[in-house]
């Protein structure tokens, strides 16, 4: 049996895997997480979800922002770990750490590798309009998510599903996959498969500045960006000189301006509870939920009524001639 697991993880995405390991009688002997940091308007200290899980379950916990530190590596060596399980930890593993556990380091990655290697695979999948996403267990090596694949599991992505919603579903099937991987490894029913590196795509770290909408893009491109950047970094567009967060959008209706006079970003009409705005490629995008700065999120109808929005007004930096 694969014993003496050490678990590396930080965000909520990793917690279902800890739950699954614990339920399967494979509770790690040590949990390693990023340090507690301050967050929110009150700058209160907030422990990462993985650290909180370890504290709640009485599991030994180390929080460090430098797994390359010789003192940390020495203390880990004393534990004599059999295998490291890594889920969304957030630090680069160097060779000394990769070879320290007797069986190496196994990672759960939130994509169907070799697609979307890197820091934001779920966001990348939604942003590119993928209809299928998934999770992969793989053995770690010095390259970025380039190690041999152990198992994969896929699921369909909803047309209006956000990255946050997809992340929850992937974390759940990922937890199941980790336990299955360990079981099949012990049974000798598992073989590592080299990735097709020539097919690799990448998912870089996100920046807040990426959330400004470009209304000259097609409606599907904008819709996918809104879905991908929910919950972070969010998308926004200027309206009457102030930034408005675009929380939910909808596809399914082309521009109703037959003479083509409408310009990208221009308000077309409020139809039922959807505010239709002109996008690129002679398409329209439906706005379903919006949020003014410092206000709560509201439906498109409440936004229109509260702001007295009229057809012909503009979102974005485009102004009427």
Protein backbone atom coordinates (compact mmCIF):
# COMPACT_ATOMS: atom_id res chain seq x y z
CA UNK A 1 0.00 0.00 0.00
CA UNK A 2 1.17 3.53 -0.78
CA UNK A 3 1.59 5.04 2.67
CA UNK A 4 3.02 8.17 4.26
CA UNK A 5 1.52 10.64 1.84
CA UNK A 6 2.49 14.29 1.98
CA UNK A 7 -0.07 16.68 0.50
CA UNK A 8 0.79 20.01 -1.12
CA UNK A 9 -2.11 22.38 -1.87
CA UNK A 10 -3.51 25.79 -1.11
CA UNK A 11 -6.95 26.86 -2.49
CA UNK A 12 -10.46 25.45 -2.16
CA UNK A 13 -9.96 23.45 -5.35
CA UNK A 14 -7.64 21.11 -3.41
CA UNK A 15 -9.95 20.49 -0.44
CA UNK A 16 -12.17 17.80 -2.08
CA UNK A 17 -9.03 15.74 -2.73
CA UNK A 18 -8.11 15.93 0.95
CA UNK A 19 -11.65 14.88 1.84
CA UNK A 20 -11.47 11.94 -0.56
CA UNK A 21 -8.07 10.81 0.73
CA UNK A 22 -9.30 11.03 4.30
CA UNK A 23 -12.46 9.06 3.50
CA UNK A 24 -10.38 6.39 1.76
CA UNK A 25 -8.16 5.92 4.80
CA UNK A 26 -5.25 7.72 3.15
CA UNK A 27 -5.01 10.82 5.33
CA UNK A 28 -1.66 12.53 4.68
CA UNK A 29 0.95 12.52 7.43
CA UNK A 30 1.70 16.13 6.55
CA UNK A 31 -0.09 18.93 4.72
CA UNK A 32 1.94 21.75 3.15
CA UNK A 33 0.22 25.00 2.20
CA UNK A 34 1.05 28.55 1.28
CA UNK A 35 1.26 31.00 4.21
CA UNK A 36 -1.74 32.72 5.76
CA UNK A 37 -2.16 36.19 4.27
CA UNK A 38 -4.27 39.26 4.88
CA UNK A 39 -7.33 39.81 2.69
CA UNK A 40 -10.48 41.89 2.41
CA UNK A 41 -11.20 45.47 3.38
CA UNK A 42 -10.36 44.80 7.01
CA UNK A 43 -7.02 43.22 6.07
CA UNK A 44 -7.79 40.25 8.26
CA UNK A 45 -5.61 37.16 8.29
CA UNK A 46 -7.25 34.37 6.30
CA UNK A 47 -5.82 30.85 6.34
CA UNK A 48 -5.83 29.08 2.96
CA UNK A 49 -8.61 26.49 2.71
CA UNK A 50 -6.10 23.61 2.69
CA UNK A 51 -4.41 24.92 5.85
CA UNK A 52 -7.80 25.26 7.50
CA UNK A 53 -8.65 21.67 6.56
CA UNK A 54 -5.46 20.39 8.19
CA UNK A 55 -6.18 22.33 11.37
CA UNK A 56 -9.77 21.08 11.49
CA UNK A 57 -8.66 17.46 11.05
CA UNK A 58 -5.68 17.54 13.37
CA UNK A 59 -3.18 16.84 10.60
CA UNK A 60 0.37 18.18 10.84
CA UNK A 61 0.65 21.41 8.85
CA UNK A 62 3.53 23.42 7.43
CA UNK A 63 2.90 26.76 5.71
CA UNK A 64 5.76 28.03 3.60
CA UNK A 65 6.35 30.28 0.64
CA UNK A 66 9.66 28.59 -0.18
CA UNK A 67 9.62 24.81 -0.64
CA UNK A 68 13.15 25.12 -2.00
CA UNK A 69 14.38 26.17 1.45
CA UNK A 70 17.02 23.69 2.73
CA UNK A 71 15.53 23.67 6.23
CA UNK A 72 12.10 22.74 4.86
CA UNK A 73 13.58 20.00 2.67
CA UNK A 74 15.53 18.60 5.61
CA UNK A 75 12.43 18.45 7.79
CA UNK A 76 10.51 16.75 4.99
CA UNK A 77 13.28 14.19 4.55
CA UNK A 78 12.94 13.22 8.20
CA UNK A 79 9.33 12.18 7.56
CA UNK A 80 10.45 9.75 4.85
CA UNK A 81 7.41 10.31 2.62
CA UNK A 82 6.38 7.62 0.18
CA UNK A 83 4.59 9.95 -2.26
CA UNK A 84 3.75 13.63 -2.55
CA UNK A 85 0.27 14.48 -3.84
CA UNK A 86 0.15 18.00 -5.27
CA UNK A 87 -3.07 19.88 -6.06
CA UNK A 88 -3.00 23.59 -6.95
CA UNK A 89 -0.13 24.36 -4.60
CA UNK A 90 1.25 27.40 -6.38
CA UNK A 91 5.03 26.97 -6.20
CA UNK A 92 7.66 25.49 -8.50
CA UNK A 93 9.19 22.19 -7.36
CA UNK A 94 12.92 21.90 -7.92
CA UNK A 95 14.80 18.65 -8.43
CA UNK A 96 15.64 18.23 -4.73
CA UNK A 97 11.97 18.13 -3.84
CA UNK A 98 10.82 16.14 -6.88
CA UNK A 99 13.05 13.21 -5.96
CA UNK A 100 12.65 13.40 -2.19
CA UNK A 101 9.54 11.15 -1.80
CA UNK A 102 10.39 7.50 -2.52
CA UNK A 103 7.82 7.27 -5.36
CA UNK A 104 8.12 10.88 -6.51
CA UNK A 105 5.50 13.63 -6.77
CA UNK A 106 2.05 13.16 -8.33
CA UNK A 107 0.08 16.18 -9.47
CA UNK A 108 -3.63 16.68 -10.18
CA UNK A 109 -3.88 19.17 -13.03
CA UNK A 110 -7.19 20.75 -14.07
CA UNK A 111 -6.99 20.09 -17.79
CA UNK A 112 -6.77 17.24 -20.26
CA UNK A 113 -3.02 17.44 -20.74
CA UNK A 114 -1.17 18.36 -22.85
CA UNK A 115 -3.83 21.05 -23.28
CA UNK A 116 -3.54 24.13 -21.07
CA UNK A 117 -0.39 23.62 -19.10
CA UNK A 118 0.20 26.37 -16.58
CA UNK A 119 -1.48 28.42 -13.87
CA UNK A 120 -5.02 28.95 -15.18
CA UNK A 121 -6.20 25.89 -17.14
CA UNK A 122 -9.89 26.17 -16.23
CA UNK A 123 -10.05 29.82 -17.21
CA UNK A 124 -8.29 29.05 -20.48
CA UNK A 125 -10.68 26.24 -21.35
CA UNK A 126 -13.74 28.44 -20.80
CA UNK A 127 -12.21 31.44 -22.53
CA UNK A 128 -11.49 29.38 -25.65
CA UNK A 129 -15.03 28.02 -25.73
CA UNK A 130 -14.10 24.41 -25.07
CA UNK A 131 -17.10 22.09 -24.88
CA UNK A 132 -15.11 19.53 -22.91
CA UNK A 133 -12.74 19.93 -19.97
CA UNK A 134 -11.19 17.54 -17.52
CA UNK A 135 -8.54 16.59 -14.99
CA UNK A 136 -5.28 14.67 -15.23
CA UNK A 137 -3.12 12.86 -12.70
CA UNK A 138 0.52 12.99 -13.75
CA UNK A 139 4.01 12.45 -12.41
CA UNK A 140 5.86 15.68 -11.90
CA UNK A 141 9.17 16.53 -13.52
CA UNK A 142 11.16 19.73 -13.92
CA UNK A 143 9.16 20.93 -16.94
CA UNK A 144 5.89 22.86 -16.55
CA UNK A 145 3.09 20.25 -16.35
CA UNK A 146 5.05 18.17 -18.84
CA UNK A 147 5.35 14.90 -16.92
CA UNK A 148 3.89 11.53 -17.94
CA UNK A 149 0.13 11.11 -17.63
CA UNK A 150 -1.36 8.51 -15.31
CA UNK A 151 -5.16 8.90 -15.65
CA UNK A 152 -7.60 11.42 -17.11
CA UNK A 153 -11.29 12.10 -16.75
CA UNK A 154 -13.41 14.46 -18.89
CA UNK A 155 -16.75 16.21 -18.57
CA UNK A 156 -18.91 18.44 -20.77
CA UNK A 157 -18.81 22.20 -20.26
CA UNK A 158 -22.13 24.06 -20.19
CA UNK A 159 -22.75 26.87 -22.69
CA UNK A 160 -23.18 29.40 -19.88
CA UNK A 161 -21.02 27.73 -17.23
CA UNK A 162 -18.47 29.99 -15.55
CA UNK A 163 -14.92 29.10 -14.63
CA UNK A 164 -15.91 29.19 -10.99
CA UNK A 165 -18.75 26.73 -11.52
CA UNK A 166 -16.59 24.46 -13.66
CA UNK A 167 -13.83 24.56 -11.06
CA UNK A 168 -16.15 23.10 -8.43
CA UNK A 169 -17.13 20.21 -10.69
CA UNK A 170 -13.53 19.53 -11.73
CA UNK A 171 -12.34 19.57 -8.12
CA UNK A 172 -14.88 16.86 -7.29
CA UNK A 173 -14.00 14.50 -10.16
CA UNK A 174 -10.34 15.30 -9.60
CA UNK A 175 -10.61 14.09 -6.01
CA UNK A 176 -12.11 10.82 -7.23
CA UNK A 177 -9.38 10.48 -9.83
CA UNK A 178 -6.57 10.88 -7.30
CA UNK A 179 -7.97 8.07 -5.13
CA UNK A 180 -8.51 5.89 -8.20
CA UNK A 181 -4.95 6.56 -9.33
CA UNK A 182 -3.50 5.47 -6.00
CA UNK A 183 -5.65 2.32 -5.93
CA UNK A 184 -4.75 1.29 -9.48
CA UNK A 185 -1.08 2.06 -8.83
CA UNK A 186 -1.12 -0.37 -5.90
CA UNK A 187 -2.90 -3.01 -8.00
CA UNK A 188 -0.30 -2.76 -10.75
CA UNK A 189 -3.02 -1.60 -13.14
CA UNK A 190 -1.44 1.70 -14.09
CA UNK A 191 1.16 2.88 -16.57
CA UNK A 192 2.49 6.35 -17.23
CA UNK A 193 2.11 7.70 -20.76
CA UNK A 194 4.40 10.30 -22.28
CA UNK A 195 2.63 13.50 -23.29
CA UNK A 196 2.56 14.61 -26.90
CA UNK A 197 4.55 17.75 -26.24
CA UNK A 198 4.02 19.07 -29.76
CA UNK A 199 0.29 19.42 -28.96
CA UNK A 200 0.80 21.38 -25.76
CA UNK A 201 -1.03 24.66 -25.18
CA UNK A 202 -0.49 27.04 -22.29
CA UNK A 203 -2.59 28.86 -19.70
CA UNK A 204 -0.57 31.74 -18.20
CA UNK A 205 -1.28 33.54 -14.94
CA UNK A 206 -4.14 36.02 -15.00
CA UNK A 207 -3.91 39.77 -14.60
CA UNK A 208 -6.69 42.10 -13.46
CA UNK A 209 -6.14 44.35 -16.49
CA UNK A 210 -7.35 41.61 -18.85
CA UNK A 211 -11.00 42.11 -17.87
CA UNK A 212 -11.79 45.19 -19.99
CA UNK A 213 -14.27 44.18 -22.70
CA UNK A 214 -13.61 44.89 -26.36
CA UNK A 215 -17.00 45.31 -28.04
CA UNK A 216 -15.52 44.90 -31.51
CA UNK A 217 -14.98 41.22 -30.67
CA UNK A 218 -17.70 38.76 -31.64
CA UNK A 219 -20.49 38.00 -29.19
CA UNK A 220 -19.20 34.45 -28.46
CA UNK A 221 -15.71 35.76 -27.72
CA UNK A 222 -17.05 38.31 -25.23
CA UNK A 223 -19.46 35.81 -23.71
CA UNK A 224 -16.67 33.30 -23.15
CA UNK A 225 -14.44 35.94 -21.60
CA UNK A 226 -17.17 36.93 -19.12
CA UNK A 227 -17.65 33.26 -18.19
CA UNK A 228 -13.91 32.62 -17.94
CA UNK A 229 -13.16 35.59 -15.69
CA UNK A 230 -15.89 34.75 -13.18
CA UNK A 231 -15.10 34.89 -10.29
CA UNK A 232 -11.70 36.53 -10.93
CA UNK A 233 -10.53 38.90 -12.28
CA UNK A 234 -14.02 39.77 -13.55
CA UNK A 235 -14.98 41.71 -16.65
CA UNK A 236 -16.03 45.32 -16.92
CA UNK A 237 -16.98 48.00 -19.39
CA UNK A 238 -17.22 51.76 -19.20
CA UNK A 239 -20.76 53.19 -19.11
CA UNK A 240 -21.38 56.93 -18.74
CA UNK A 241 -17.83 57.44 -17.56
CA UNK A 242 -17.81 54.78 -14.85
CA UNK A 243 -16.78 51.13 -14.83
CA UNK A 244 -19.62 48.60 -14.72
CA UNK A 245 -18.91 44.95 -13.98
CA UNK A 246 -20.50 42.60 -16.51
CA UNK A 247 -21.44 39.58 -14.42
CA UNK A 248 -23.57 37.40 -16.72
CA UNK A 249 -24.20 37.38 -20.45
CA UNK A 250 -26.25 35.43 -22.97
CA UNK A 251 -25.93 34.46 -26.61
CA UNK A 252 -28.68 33.72 -29.08
CA UNK A 253 -29.81 36.90 -30.82
CA UNK A 254 -28.28 38.80 -33.75
CA UNK A 255 -28.38 42.55 -34.10
CA UNK A 256 -31.87 43.83 -34.91
CA UNK A 257 -30.55 46.99 -36.60
CA UNK A 258 -31.18 46.18 -40.23
CA UNK A 259 -29.38 49.21 -41.67
CA UNK A 260 -26.17 48.33 -39.85
CA UNK A 261 -25.94 51.77 -38.24
CA UNK A 262 -25.39 50.37 -34.73
CA UNK A 263 -21.79 50.37 -33.59
CA UNK A 264 -19.97 47.98 -31.23
CA UNK A 265 -20.93 48.69 -27.64
CA UNK A 266 -24.19 50.40 -28.54
CA UNK A 267 -27.33 49.56 -26.57
CA UNK A 268 -29.99 48.03 -28.83
CA UNK A 269 -32.96 47.15 -26.64
CA UNK A 270 -34.21 45.60 -23.45
CA UNK A 271 -36.03 42.39 -24.36
CA UNK A 272 -37.68 40.67 -21.40
CA UNK A 273 -34.89 40.66 -18.80
CA UNK A 274 -31.97 40.85 -21.23
CA UNK A 275 -30.21 44.02 -22.36
CA UNK A 276 -28.92 43.51 -25.90
CA UNK A 277 -25.74 45.33 -26.90
CA UNK A 278 -24.09 45.43 -30.32
CA UNK A 279 -20.90 43.36 -30.60
CA UNK A 280 -18.58 42.71 -33.52
CA UNK A 281 -19.40 40.60 -36.58
CA UNK A 282 -22.91 42.14 -36.72
CA UNK A 283 -23.90 40.24 -33.58
CA UNK A 284 -25.54 41.21 -30.33
CA UNK A 285 -24.66 40.09 -26.81
CA UNK A 286 -27.26 39.87 -24.09
CA UNK A 287 -26.37 41.35 -20.70
CA UNK A 288 -28.13 39.50 -17.91
CA UNK A 289 -26.50 40.74 -14.70
CA UNK A 290 -24.46 43.90 -14.06
CA UNK A 291 -22.89 45.65 -11.11
CA UNK A 292 -22.04 49.31 -10.66
CA UNK A 293 -19.02 50.13 -8.53
CA UNK A 294 -19.89 50.00 -4.86
CA UNK A 295 -23.34 48.55 -5.55
CA UNK A 296 -24.79 45.06 -5.50
CA UNK A 297 -25.29 42.99 -8.64
CA UNK A 298 -28.65 43.55 -10.32
CA UNK A 299 -30.60 42.14 -13.23
CA UNK A 300 -30.39 43.87 -16.59
CA UNK A 301 -33.96 45.12 -16.17
CA UNK A 302 -33.18 46.69 -12.79
CA UNK A 303 -30.01 48.23 -14.23
CA UNK A 304 -31.95 49.76 -17.14
CA UNK A 305 -34.73 51.05 -14.91
CA UNK A 306 -32.37 52.40 -12.26
CA UNK A 307 -30.08 54.14 -14.74
CA UNK A 308 -32.82 55.01 -17.24
CA UNK A 309 -30.75 53.44 -20.00
CA UNK A 310 -31.91 54.31 -23.50
CA UNK A 311 -31.25 52.59 -26.84
CA UNK A 312 -28.33 54.23 -28.60
CA UNK A 313 -26.18 54.70 -25.50
CA UNK A 314 -22.76 53.06 -25.41
CA UNK A 315 -20.76 50.63 -23.33
CA UNK A 316 -17.01 50.88 -23.70
CA UNK A 317 -14.91 53.72 -25.06
CA UNK A 318 -16.74 54.00 -28.41
CA UNK A 319 -18.76 57.19 -28.70
CA UNK A 320 -21.41 58.12 -31.21
CA UNK A 321 -20.39 60.48 -34.01
